[in-house]
Amino acid sequence: MIIKVLLPFIAATFVYSGFVSAEMRQSKPTTSPSKPAVPKVVQPKWKVFTPPDKSFQVLMPGRPKKKTQVQKTYMGEIKLEIFVAQPPEQEVAYLVTYNEFPYSYAKMTNPQKILNQAQDNSLKATQSNLISERNIRSSNGHPGKEIQYVDSAGKVTTNRMYVAEGRLYQVMAIVSKKQRPTLAKTITGYLNSFQLVLRK
């Protein structure tokens, strides 16, 4: 019952991911018909980013833009915090999101159940096909899951999700089919750089 109420709220992340993918499509430079389009990869300067509440740190290509989405449930309003960075001249987006669960929900619900539900919902919301999935843990032992999926346009999303201290954290990279081979190592480095920081 509670999970169904929270599903649209969890889906907001993936709706926004779709928006980022659309932006990636629109930002392609126009080329003449005689020359094939070859995506350029200009490596940006990566810096450690920490949000205002200092709950995590991650390497980002420049300072990410912040967006907040609010979902109304019978338990009250729940906020989804989104941080997104899109390097210029690259067909990729890097996102970190988190949402706070109500205390009772977080205490009563098995973390694996939350992760599995988030996975199912992400595939439905983006109409994507699952490529791979595996259980993981954060560096300080919080349960997590990594999923990789591809949408109808060929964009591949790698999403690492963690349940920690009443929150669902999601670390995502969305890349075009063309630039996926070139940026594979960069994406892995980005995902590996994510560190949860225990709140006091």
N, C-alpha and C. Protein backbone atom coordinates (compact mmCIF):
# COMPACT_ATOMS: atom_id res chain seq x y z
N MET A 1 0.83 -1.20 0.00
CA MET A 1 0.00 0.00 0.00
C MET A 1 0.87 1.26 0.00
N ILE A 2 1.79 1.33 0.96
CA ILE A 2 2.65 2.51 1.06
C ILE A 2 3.56 2.60 -0.16
N ILE A 3 4.07 1.43 -0.61
CA ILE A 3 4.96 1.44 -1.76
C ILE A 3 4.26 2.02 -2.98
N LYS A 4 2.99 1.66 -3.20
CA LYS A 4 2.25 2.18 -4.35
C LYS A 4 2.11 3.69 -4.28
N VAL A 5 1.92 4.21 -3.07
CA VAL A 5 1.79 5.65 -2.90
C VAL A 5 3.10 6.35 -3.26
N LEU A 6 4.23 5.73 -2.90
CA LEU A 6 5.52 6.36 -3.13
C LEU A 6 6.07 6.15 -4.54
N LEU A 7 5.45 5.26 -5.31
CA LEU A 7 5.97 4.98 -6.65
C LEU A 7 6.07 6.21 -7.55
N PRO A 8 5.02 7.05 -7.64
CA PRO A 8 5.14 8.21 -8.52
C PRO A 8 6.28 9.11 -8.09
N PHE A 9 6.52 9.15 -6.79
CA PHE A 9 7.58 10.00 -6.23
C PHE A 9 8.95 9.49 -6.65
N ILE A 10 9.14 8.18 -6.57
CA ILE A 10 10.39 7.59 -7.01
C ILE A 10 10.55 7.78 -8.52
N ALA A 11 9.45 7.72 -9.25
CA ALA A 11 9.49 7.84 -10.71
C ALA A 11 9.95 9.21 -11.16
N ALA A 12 9.81 10.22 -10.32
CA ALA A 12 10.19 11.58 -10.71
C ALA A 12 11.64 11.63 -11.17
N THR A 13 12.50 10.85 -10.54
CA THR A 13 13.89 10.80 -10.94
C THR A 13 14.02 10.41 -12.40
N PHE A 14 13.28 9.41 -12.79
CA PHE A 14 13.44 8.88 -14.13
C PHE A 14 12.74 9.74 -15.16
N VAL A 15 11.70 10.43 -14.77
CA VAL A 15 11.06 11.40 -15.67
C VAL A 15 12.07 12.49 -15.98
N TYR A 16 12.79 12.93 -14.95
CA TYR A 16 13.81 13.95 -15.16
C TYR A 16 14.95 13.41 -16.01
N SER A 17 15.29 12.14 -15.83
CA SER A 17 16.33 11.54 -16.66
C SER A 17 15.94 11.60 -18.13
N GLY A 18 14.66 11.37 -18.42
CA GLY A 18 14.16 11.47 -19.77
C GLY A 18 14.31 12.88 -20.32
N PHE A 19 14.08 13.87 -19.47
CA PHE A 19 14.24 15.26 -19.86
C PHE A 19 15.69 15.55 -20.22
N VAL A 20 16.60 15.04 -19.43
CA VAL A 20 18.02 15.23 -19.70
C VAL A 20 18.39 14.59 -21.02
N SER A 21 17.85 13.39 -21.28
CA SER A 21 18.12 12.72 -22.55
C SER A 21 17.63 13.54 -23.72
N ALA A 22 16.47 14.16 -23.56
CA ALA A 22 15.93 15.00 -24.63
C ALA A 22 16.84 16.20 -24.88
N GLU A 23 17.37 16.78 -23.80
CA GLU A 23 18.30 17.90 -23.93
C GLU A 23 19.55 17.47 -24.69
N MET A 24 20.01 16.26 -24.42
CA MET A 24 21.19 15.75 -25.09
C MET A 24 20.95 15.66 -26.60
N ARG A 25 19.75 15.22 -26.98
CA ARG A 25 19.42 15.12 -28.41
C ARG A 25 19.42 16.50 -29.07
N GLN A 26 18.86 17.49 -28.38
CA GLN A 26 18.71 18.82 -28.97
C GLN A 26 20.03 19.56 -29.08
N SER A 27 21.01 19.19 -28.27
CA SER A 27 22.25 19.95 -28.24
C SER A 27 23.25 19.53 -29.31
N LYS A 28 22.91 18.56 -30.15
CA LYS A 28 23.83 18.11 -31.19
C LYS A 28 24.04 19.22 -32.22
N PRO A 29 25.30 19.47 -32.58
CA PRO A 29 25.54 20.49 -33.61
C PRO A 29 25.10 19.97 -34.99
N THR A 30 24.67 20.89 -35.84
CA THR A 30 24.24 20.50 -37.18
C THR A 30 25.47 20.35 -38.06
N THR A 31 25.45 19.36 -38.92
CA THR A 31 26.58 19.13 -39.83
C THR A 31 26.05 19.03 -41.25
N SER A 32 26.93 19.23 -42.21
CA SER A 32 26.51 19.12 -43.60
C SER A 32 26.32 17.65 -43.96
N PRO A 33 25.43 17.36 -44.91
CA PRO A 33 25.15 15.97 -45.26
C PRO A 33 26.37 15.20 -45.74
N SER A 34 27.37 15.90 -46.32
CA SER A 34 28.54 15.22 -46.87
C SER A 34 29.49 14.70 -45.78
N LYS A 35 29.41 15.29 -44.57
CA LYS A 35 30.31 14.87 -43.50
C LYS A 35 29.53 14.13 -42.42
N PRO A 36 29.95 12.91 -42.07
CA PRO A 36 29.25 12.19 -40.99
C PRO A 36 29.50 12.85 -39.64
N ALA A 37 28.48 12.78 -38.78
CA ALA A 37 28.60 13.40 -37.46
C ALA A 37 29.47 12.52 -36.57
N VAL A 38 30.55 13.09 -36.07
CA VAL A 38 31.42 12.38 -35.14
C VAL A 38 31.40 13.14 -33.82
N PRO A 39 30.86 12.53 -32.76
CA PRO A 39 30.78 13.23 -31.49
C PRO A 39 32.17 13.57 -30.95
N LYS A 40 32.32 14.83 -30.52
CA LYS A 40 33.59 15.25 -29.94
C LYS A 40 33.56 14.96 -28.44
N VAL A 41 34.72 14.63 -27.91
CA VAL A 41 34.81 14.42 -26.47
C VAL A 41 35.86 15.39 -25.92
N VAL A 42 35.39 16.44 -25.28
CA VAL A 42 36.28 17.40 -24.65
C VAL A 42 36.23 17.13 -23.16
N GLN A 43 37.36 16.73 -22.59
CA GLN A 43 37.35 16.36 -21.17
C GLN A 43 37.26 17.61 -20.28
N PRO A 44 36.20 17.69 -19.47
CA PRO A 44 36.06 18.82 -18.56
C PRO A 44 36.92 18.63 -17.32
N LYS A 45 37.00 19.67 -16.49
CA LYS A 45 37.72 19.56 -15.23
C LYS A 45 36.78 18.97 -14.18
N TRP A 46 37.20 17.87 -13.61
CA TRP A 46 36.39 17.19 -12.61
C TRP A 46 36.76 17.67 -11.22
N LYS A 47 35.74 17.93 -10.41
CA LYS A 47 35.97 18.40 -9.05
C LYS A 47 35.06 17.64 -8.09
N VAL A 48 35.50 17.53 -6.84
CA VAL A 48 34.66 16.89 -5.82
C VAL A 48 33.49 17.81 -5.50
N PHE A 49 32.29 17.26 -5.57
CA PHE A 49 31.08 18.01 -5.22
C PHE A 49 30.48 17.42 -3.95
N THR A 50 30.11 18.31 -3.02
CA THR A 50 29.42 17.92 -1.79
C THR A 50 28.17 18.78 -1.68
N PRO A 51 26.97 18.20 -1.47
CA PRO A 51 25.75 19.01 -1.37
C PRO A 51 25.73 19.79 -0.05
N PRO A 52 24.82 20.75 0.08
CA PRO A 52 24.75 21.56 1.30
C PRO A 52 24.64 20.75 2.60
N ASP A 53 23.93 19.60 2.57
CA ASP A 53 23.78 18.83 3.81
C ASP A 53 24.95 17.86 4.04
N LYS A 54 25.94 17.88 3.12
CA LYS A 54 27.17 17.09 3.26
C LYS A 54 26.92 15.58 3.42
N SER A 55 25.83 15.07 2.84
CA SER A 55 25.48 13.66 2.99
C SER A 55 26.24 12.74 2.04
N PHE A 56 26.87 13.32 1.01
CA PHE A 56 27.65 12.50 0.08
C PHE A 56 28.69 13.38 -0.59
N GLN A 57 29.62 12.73 -1.25
CA GLN A 57 30.55 13.46 -2.13
C GLN A 57 30.77 12.64 -3.38
N VAL A 58 31.02 13.34 -4.49
CA VAL A 58 31.18 12.67 -5.77
C VAL A 58 31.97 13.58 -6.70
N LEU A 59 32.72 12.99 -7.61
CA LEU A 59 33.41 13.78 -8.63
C LEU A 59 32.40 14.17 -9.70
N MET A 60 32.39 15.46 -10.06
CA MET A 60 31.47 15.95 -11.10
C MET A 60 32.25 16.81 -12.09
N PRO A 61 31.82 16.80 -13.37
CA PRO A 61 32.48 17.64 -14.38
C PRO A 61 31.98 19.07 -14.29
N GLY A 62 32.48 19.81 -13.33
CA GLY A 62 31.99 21.17 -13.08
C GLY A 62 30.91 21.14 -12.00
N ARG A 63 30.42 22.32 -11.66
CA ARG A 63 29.41 22.41 -10.61
C ARG A 63 28.05 21.99 -11.17
N PRO A 64 27.38 21.01 -10.57
CA PRO A 64 26.09 20.56 -11.09
C PRO A 64 24.97 21.56 -10.81
N LYS A 65 23.94 21.51 -11.65
CA LYS A 65 22.73 22.31 -11.40
C LYS A 65 21.85 21.54 -10.43
N LYS A 66 21.19 22.28 -9.56
CA LYS A 66 20.31 21.64 -8.57
C LYS A 66 18.86 21.88 -8.94
N LYS A 67 18.06 20.84 -8.77
CA LYS A 67 16.62 20.94 -9.00
C LYS A 67 15.90 20.20 -7.89
N THR A 68 14.80 20.74 -7.42
CA THR A 68 14.01 20.08 -6.38
C THR A 68 12.62 19.79 -6.92
N GLN A 69 12.17 18.55 -6.76
CA GLN A 69 10.80 18.19 -7.12
C GLN A 69 10.08 17.77 -5.84
N VAL A 70 8.84 18.22 -5.71
CA VAL A 70 8.05 17.89 -4.52
C VAL A 70 6.89 16.98 -4.93
N GLN A 71 6.74 15.89 -4.21
CA GLN A 71 5.64 14.96 -4.44
C GLN A 71 4.72 14.96 -3.24
N LYS A 72 3.43 15.04 -3.49
CA LYS A 72 2.46 15.02 -2.40
C LYS A 72 1.97 13.59 -2.17
N THR A 73 2.02 13.14 -0.93
CA THR A 73 1.49 11.84 -0.54
C THR A 73 0.58 12.06 0.66
N TYR A 74 -0.14 11.01 1.06
CA TYR A 74 -1.02 11.16 2.23
C TYR A 74 -0.19 11.37 3.50
N MET A 75 1.12 11.10 3.41
CA MET A 75 2.00 11.32 4.56
C MET A 75 2.56 12.73 4.58
N GLY A 76 2.24 13.50 3.56
CA GLY A 76 2.77 14.86 3.46
C GLY A 76 3.64 15.00 2.22
N GLU A 77 4.28 16.15 2.08
CA GLU A 77 5.13 16.41 0.92
C GLU A 77 6.50 15.76 1.11
N ILE A 78 6.99 15.16 0.04
CA ILE A 78 8.31 14.52 0.05
C ILE A 78 9.13 15.15 -1.06
N LYS A 79 10.36 15.55 -0.71
CA LYS A 79 11.21 16.23 -1.68
C LYS A 79 12.21 15.28 -2.33
N LEU A 80 12.39 15.48 -3.63
CA LEU A 80 13.41 14.78 -4.39
C LEU A 80 14.44 15.82 -4.80
N GLU A 81 15.68 15.66 -4.33
CA GLU A 81 16.76 16.59 -4.68
C GLU A 81 17.55 16.00 -5.84
N ILE A 82 17.78 16.81 -6.87
CA ILE A 82 18.45 16.35 -8.08
C ILE A 82 19.65 17.26 -8.37
N PHE A 83 20.80 16.65 -8.63
CA PHE A 83 22.00 17.38 -9.02
C PHE A 83 22.44 16.82 -10.37
N VAL A 84 22.56 17.68 -11.38
CA VAL A 84 22.87 17.19 -12.73
C VAL A 84 23.97 18.04 -13.38
N ALA A 85 24.91 17.36 -14.03
CA ALA A 85 25.98 18.03 -14.77
C ALA A 85 26.04 17.45 -16.17
N GLN A 86 26.13 18.35 -17.16
CA GLN A 86 26.24 17.94 -18.56
C GLN A 86 27.41 18.66 -19.19
N PRO A 87 28.53 17.96 -19.43
CA PRO A 87 29.69 18.61 -20.05
C PRO A 87 29.35 19.09 -21.45
N PRO A 88 29.92 20.23 -21.86
CA PRO A 88 29.67 20.72 -23.22
C PRO A 88 30.26 19.77 -24.26
N GLU A 89 29.59 19.68 -25.39
CA GLU A 89 30.04 18.87 -26.53
C GLU A 89 30.16 17.38 -26.21
N GLN A 90 29.42 16.94 -25.19
CA GLN A 90 29.37 15.51 -24.91
C GLN A 90 27.90 15.08 -24.81
N GLU A 91 27.62 13.89 -25.27
CA GLU A 91 26.26 13.36 -25.22
C GLU A 91 26.11 12.48 -23.98
N VAL A 92 26.25 13.13 -22.82
CA VAL A 92 26.20 12.41 -21.55
C VAL A 92 25.69 13.35 -20.47
N ALA A 93 25.03 12.77 -19.48
CA ALA A 93 24.58 13.54 -18.32
C ALA A 93 24.91 12.74 -17.07
N TYR A 94 25.36 13.44 -16.03
CA TYR A 94 25.70 12.82 -14.75
C TYR A 94 24.73 13.35 -13.70
N LEU A 95 24.05 12.45 -13.01
CA LEU A 95 23.04 12.86 -12.02
C LEU A 95 23.26 12.15 -10.69
N VAL A 96 22.99 12.88 -9.61
CA VAL A 96 22.84 12.28 -8.29
C VAL A 96 21.53 12.79 -7.73
N THR A 97 20.70 11.88 -7.25
CA THR A 97 19.43 12.28 -6.65
C THR A 97 19.27 11.57 -5.30
N TYR A 98 18.48 12.19 -4.44
CA TYR A 98 18.08 11.48 -3.23
C TYR A 98 16.72 11.96 -2.78
N ASN A 99 16.01 11.09 -2.09
CA ASN A 99 14.74 11.46 -1.48
C ASN A 99 14.69 10.88 -0.07
N GLU A 100 14.05 11.61 0.80
CA GLU A 100 13.92 11.20 2.20
C GLU A 100 12.60 10.45 2.35
N PHE A 101 12.66 9.26 2.90
CA PHE A 101 11.44 8.52 3.20
C PHE A 101 10.90 8.90 4.57
N PRO A 102 9.58 8.82 4.77
CA PRO A 102 9.04 9.00 6.11
C PRO A 102 9.68 7.98 7.05
N TYR A 103 9.91 8.38 8.29
CA TYR A 103 10.62 7.55 9.27
C TYR A 103 10.01 6.15 9.39
N SER A 104 8.69 6.08 9.49
CA SER A 104 8.03 4.78 9.69
C SER A 104 8.23 3.86 8.48
N TYR A 105 8.17 4.44 7.28
CA TYR A 105 8.36 3.65 6.06
C TYR A 105 9.78 3.09 6.00
N ALA A 106 10.76 3.95 6.28
CA ALA A 106 12.15 3.53 6.22
C ALA A 106 12.45 2.43 7.24
N LYS A 107 11.81 2.50 8.41
CA LYS A 107 12.06 1.52 9.47
C LYS A 107 11.38 0.18 9.17
N MET A 108 10.19 0.23 8.55
CA MET A 108 9.39 -0.97 8.35
C MET A 108 9.72 -1.73 7.06
N THR A 109 10.35 -1.05 6.09
CA THR A 109 10.53 -1.65 4.77
C THR A 109 11.95 -2.17 4.58
N ASN A 110 12.07 -3.38 4.07
CA ASN A 110 13.36 -3.99 3.78
C ASN A 110 14.06 -3.20 2.67
N PRO A 111 15.34 -2.81 2.88
CA PRO A 111 16.05 -2.03 1.85
C PRO A 111 16.06 -2.70 0.47
N GLN A 112 16.18 -4.03 0.44
CA GLN A 112 16.21 -4.73 -0.84
C GLN A 112 14.88 -4.57 -1.59
N LYS A 113 13.80 -4.52 -0.83
CA LYS A 113 12.48 -4.32 -1.44
C LYS A 113 12.38 -2.93 -2.07
N ILE A 114 12.94 -1.93 -1.39
CA ILE A 114 12.95 -0.56 -1.93
C ILE A 114 13.77 -0.52 -3.22
N LEU A 115 14.93 -1.17 -3.21
CA LEU A 115 15.81 -1.18 -4.39
C LEU A 115 15.18 -1.90 -5.57
N ASN A 116 14.54 -3.04 -5.31
CA ASN A 116 13.89 -3.78 -6.38
C ASN A 116 12.73 -3.00 -6.98
N GLN A 117 11.97 -2.32 -6.10
CA GLN A 117 10.84 -1.53 -6.59
C GLN A 117 11.32 -0.34 -7.42
N ALA A 118 12.41 0.28 -6.98
CA ALA A 118 12.98 1.40 -7.74
C ALA A 118 13.46 0.94 -9.11
N GLN A 119 14.05 -0.25 -9.16
CA GLN A 119 14.49 -0.81 -10.44
C GLN A 119 13.31 -1.03 -11.38
N ASP A 120 12.28 -1.70 -10.89
CA ASP A 120 11.10 -1.97 -11.72
C ASP A 120 10.49 -0.68 -12.24
N ASN A 121 10.42 0.30 -11.35
CA ASN A 121 9.79 1.55 -11.72
C ASN A 121 10.61 2.32 -12.75
N SER A 122 11.94 2.26 -12.62
CA SER A 122 12.79 2.98 -13.57
C SER A 122 12.64 2.42 -14.98
N LEU A 123 12.54 1.11 -15.09
CA LEU A 123 12.39 0.48 -16.41
C LEU A 123 11.04 0.84 -17.04
N LYS A 124 9.99 0.86 -16.21
CA LYS A 124 8.66 1.22 -16.72
C LYS A 124 8.60 2.69 -17.11
N ALA A 125 9.13 3.56 -16.25
CA ALA A 125 9.04 5.01 -16.49
C ALA A 125 9.79 5.44 -17.74
N THR A 126 10.91 4.77 -18.04
CA THR A 126 11.71 5.14 -19.20
C THR A 126 11.48 4.23 -20.40
N GLN A 127 10.59 3.22 -20.22
CA GLN A 127 10.31 2.24 -21.28
C GLN A 127 11.61 1.66 -21.82
N SER A 128 12.43 1.18 -20.88
CA SER A 128 13.76 0.67 -21.22
C SER A 128 13.86 -0.83 -21.01
N ASN A 129 14.89 -1.41 -21.60
CA ASN A 129 15.19 -2.83 -21.42
C ASN A 129 16.41 -2.97 -20.51
N LEU A 130 16.31 -3.87 -19.55
CA LEU A 130 17.39 -4.11 -18.61
C LEU A 130 18.55 -4.83 -19.30
N ILE A 131 19.76 -4.30 -19.10
CA ILE A 131 20.97 -4.94 -19.65
C ILE A 131 21.61 -5.81 -18.57
N SER A 132 21.74 -5.24 -17.37
CA SER A 132 22.38 -5.99 -16.29
C SER A 132 21.92 -5.45 -14.94
N GLU A 133 22.08 -6.27 -13.91
CA GLU A 133 21.78 -5.85 -12.54
C GLU A 133 22.67 -6.64 -11.59
N ARG A 134 23.07 -6.00 -10.49
CA ARG A 134 23.85 -6.69 -9.47
C ARG A 134 23.69 -5.97 -8.15
N ASN A 135 23.77 -6.72 -7.07
CA ASN A 135 23.72 -6.13 -5.73
C ASN A 135 25.10 -5.60 -5.38
N ILE A 136 25.12 -4.44 -4.75
CA ILE A 136 26.38 -3.80 -4.35
C ILE A 136 26.22 -3.24 -2.94
N ARG A 137 27.30 -2.71 -2.40
CA ARG A 137 27.25 -2.01 -1.12
C ARG A 137 28.08 -0.73 -1.23
N SER A 138 27.69 0.28 -0.47
CA SER A 138 28.48 1.50 -0.44
C SER A 138 29.79 1.21 0.30
N SER A 139 30.74 2.13 0.21
CA SER A 139 32.03 1.92 0.86
C SER A 139 31.90 1.77 2.38
N ASN A 140 30.81 2.31 2.93
CA ASN A 140 30.60 2.16 4.38
C ASN A 140 29.47 1.18 4.71
N GLY A 141 29.19 0.26 3.77
CA GLY A 141 28.35 -0.89 4.07
C GLY A 141 26.86 -0.78 3.85
N HIS A 142 26.37 0.31 3.25
CA HIS A 142 24.93 0.42 3.01
C HIS A 142 24.52 -0.41 1.80
N PRO A 143 23.34 -1.06 1.86
CA PRO A 143 22.90 -1.91 0.74
C PRO A 143 22.61 -1.09 -0.51
N GLY A 144 22.93 -1.69 -1.65
CA GLY A 144 22.71 -0.99 -2.91
C GLY A 144 22.50 -1.94 -4.06
N LYS A 145 22.26 -1.36 -5.22
CA LYS A 145 22.03 -2.15 -6.43
C LYS A 145 22.49 -1.32 -7.62
N GLU A 146 23.15 -1.99 -8.56
CA GLU A 146 23.53 -1.33 -9.81
C GLU A 146 22.71 -1.94 -10.94
N ILE A 147 22.06 -1.08 -11.72
CA ILE A 147 21.34 -1.56 -12.89
C ILE A 147 21.80 -0.76 -14.11
N GLN A 148 21.75 -1.41 -15.25
CA GLN A 148 22.07 -0.75 -16.51
C GLN A 148 20.96 -1.08 -17.49
N TYR A 149 20.46 -0.05 -18.17
CA TYR A 149 19.36 -0.28 -19.09
C TYR A 149 19.46 0.64 -20.30
N VAL A 150 18.80 0.25 -21.38
CA VAL A 150 18.86 1.01 -22.63
C VAL A 150 17.44 1.36 -23.07
N ASP A 151 17.26 2.62 -23.53
CA ASP A 151 15.94 3.04 -23.99
C ASP A 151 15.81 2.86 -25.49
N SER A 152 14.66 3.22 -26.04
CA SER A 152 14.39 2.98 -27.47
C SER A 152 15.30 3.80 -28.38
N ALA A 153 15.86 4.90 -27.87
CA ALA A 153 16.76 5.73 -28.68
C ALA A 153 18.21 5.25 -28.59
N GLY A 154 18.44 4.22 -27.79
CA GLY A 154 19.79 3.68 -27.67
C GLY A 154 20.62 4.29 -26.55
N LYS A 155 20.03 5.19 -25.79
CA LYS A 155 20.77 5.79 -24.67
C LYS A 155 20.87 4.79 -23.52
N VAL A 156 22.06 4.68 -22.98
CA VAL A 156 22.31 3.71 -21.91
C VAL A 156 22.45 4.44 -20.57
N THR A 157 21.68 3.99 -19.59
CA THR A 157 21.75 4.54 -18.24
C THR A 157 22.36 3.51 -17.31
N THR A 158 23.36 3.94 -16.56
CA THR A 158 23.90 3.13 -15.47
C THR A 158 23.50 3.82 -14.18
N ASN A 159 22.82 3.09 -13.31
CA ASN A 159 22.25 3.67 -12.09
C ASN A 159 22.68 2.84 -10.89
N ARG A 160 23.39 3.48 -9.96
CA ARG A 160 23.72 2.83 -8.70
C ARG A 160 22.83 3.43 -7.62
N MET A 161 22.06 2.58 -6.96
CA MET A 161 21.10 3.01 -5.94
C MET A 161 21.55 2.50 -4.57
N TYR A 162 21.37 3.34 -3.56
CA TYR A 162 21.72 2.95 -2.20
C TYR A 162 20.61 3.37 -1.24
N VAL A 163 20.34 2.54 -0.26
CA VAL A 163 19.40 2.90 0.81
C VAL A 163 20.23 3.15 2.06
N ALA A 164 20.13 4.36 2.60
CA ALA A 164 20.93 4.73 3.77
C ALA A 164 20.23 5.79 4.60
N GLU A 165 20.12 5.54 5.89
CA GLU A 165 19.60 6.51 6.84
C GLU A 165 18.28 7.13 6.39
N GLY A 166 17.37 6.28 5.94
CA GLY A 166 16.04 6.76 5.57
C GLY A 166 15.95 7.43 4.21
N ARG A 167 16.98 7.27 3.39
CA ARG A 167 16.99 7.88 2.06
C ARG A 167 17.28 6.84 0.98
N LEU A 168 16.81 7.15 -0.23
CA LEU A 168 17.21 6.42 -1.42
C LEU A 168 18.09 7.34 -2.25
N TYR A 169 19.36 6.98 -2.40
CA TYR A 169 20.30 7.74 -3.22
C TYR A 169 20.42 7.04 -4.58
N GLN A 170 20.51 7.84 -5.65
CA GLN A 170 20.71 7.28 -6.99
C GLN A 170 21.80 8.06 -7.70
N VAL A 171 22.79 7.33 -8.20
CA VAL A 171 23.91 7.93 -8.91
C VAL A 171 23.83 7.42 -10.34
N MET A 172 23.61 8.32 -11.30
CA MET A 172 23.32 7.89 -12.67
C MET A 172 24.21 8.56 -13.70
N ALA A 173 24.48 7.82 -14.76
CA ALA A 173 25.12 8.37 -15.96
C ALA A 173 24.28 7.93 -17.14
N ILE A 174 23.89 8.89 -17.98
CA ILE A 174 23.09 8.62 -19.17
C ILE A 174 23.94 9.02 -20.37
N VAL A 175 24.22 8.08 -21.27
CA VAL A 175 25.13 8.35 -22.38
C VAL A 175 24.54 7.85 -23.69
N SER A 176 24.87 8.55 -24.78
CA SER A 176 24.40 8.12 -26.10
C SER A 176 25.15 6.88 -26.56
N LYS A 177 24.56 6.18 -27.50
CA LYS A 177 25.18 4.96 -28.04
C LYS A 177 26.54 5.28 -28.67
N LYS A 178 26.62 6.44 -29.36
CA LYS A 178 27.86 6.83 -30.04
C LYS A 178 29.02 7.04 -29.08
N GLN A 179 28.74 7.72 -27.97
CA GLN A 179 29.83 8.07 -27.07
C GLN A 179 30.03 7.10 -25.92
N ARG A 180 29.21 6.08 -25.86
CA ARG A 180 29.33 5.11 -24.76
C ARG A 180 30.72 4.46 -24.71
N PRO A 181 31.27 3.96 -25.84
CA PRO A 181 32.59 3.33 -25.77
C PRO A 181 33.68 4.30 -25.33
N THR A 182 33.62 5.53 -25.82
CA THR A 182 34.64 6.53 -25.50
C THR A 182 34.61 6.95 -24.03
N LEU A 183 33.40 7.03 -23.47
CA LEU A 183 33.23 7.55 -22.11
C LEU A 183 33.08 6.46 -21.04
N ALA A 184 33.22 5.19 -21.44
CA ALA A 184 32.99 4.09 -20.49
C ALA A 184 33.85 4.20 -19.24
N LYS A 185 35.15 4.47 -19.40
CA LYS A 185 36.06 4.55 -18.25
C LYS A 185 35.73 5.77 -17.38
N THR A 186 35.38 6.88 -18.02
CA THR A 186 35.03 8.10 -17.29
C THR A 186 33.78 7.86 -16.44
N ILE A 187 32.79 7.19 -17.01
CA ILE A 187 31.54 6.90 -16.30
C ILE A 187 31.81 5.99 -15.10
N THR A 188 32.63 4.97 -15.31
CA THR A 188 32.97 4.07 -14.20
C THR A 188 33.68 4.84 -13.08
N GLY A 189 34.60 5.71 -13.45
CA GLY A 189 35.31 6.53 -12.46
C GLY A 189 34.36 7.42 -11.69
N TYR A 190 33.38 8.00 -12.39
CA TYR A 190 32.38 8.84 -11.74
C TYR A 190 31.56 8.03 -10.74
N LEU A 191 31.07 6.88 -11.17
CA LEU A 191 30.25 6.04 -10.28
C LEU A 191 31.05 5.58 -9.07
N ASN A 192 32.32 5.22 -9.28
CA ASN A 192 33.16 4.76 -8.18
C ASN A 192 33.53 5.86 -7.21
N SER A 193 33.45 7.11 -7.66
CA SER A 193 33.84 8.24 -6.79
C SER A 193 32.78 8.58 -5.75
N PHE A 194 31.56 8.07 -5.93
CA PHE A 194 30.46 8.41 -5.02
C PHE A 194 30.71 7.81 -3.64
N GLN A 195 30.64 8.67 -2.62
CA GLN A 195 30.83 8.24 -1.23
C GLN A 195 29.70 8.78 -0.36
N LEU A 196 29.04 7.87 0.35
CA LEU A 196 28.04 8.31 1.32
C LEU A 196 28.75 8.76 2.59
N VAL A 197 28.26 9.85 3.17
CA VAL A 197 28.82 10.35 4.41
C VAL A 197 27.76 10.24 5.49
N LEU A 198 28.06 9.54 6.56
CA LEU A 198 27.09 9.36 7.64
C LEU A 198 26.75 10.70 8.25
N ARG A 199 25.44 10.97 8.33
CA ARG A 199 24.98 12.23 8.92
C ARG A 199 24.99 12.14 10.44
N LYS A 200 25.27 13.25 11.10
CA LYS A 200 25.30 13.26 12.57
C LYS A 200 24.01 13.83 13.13
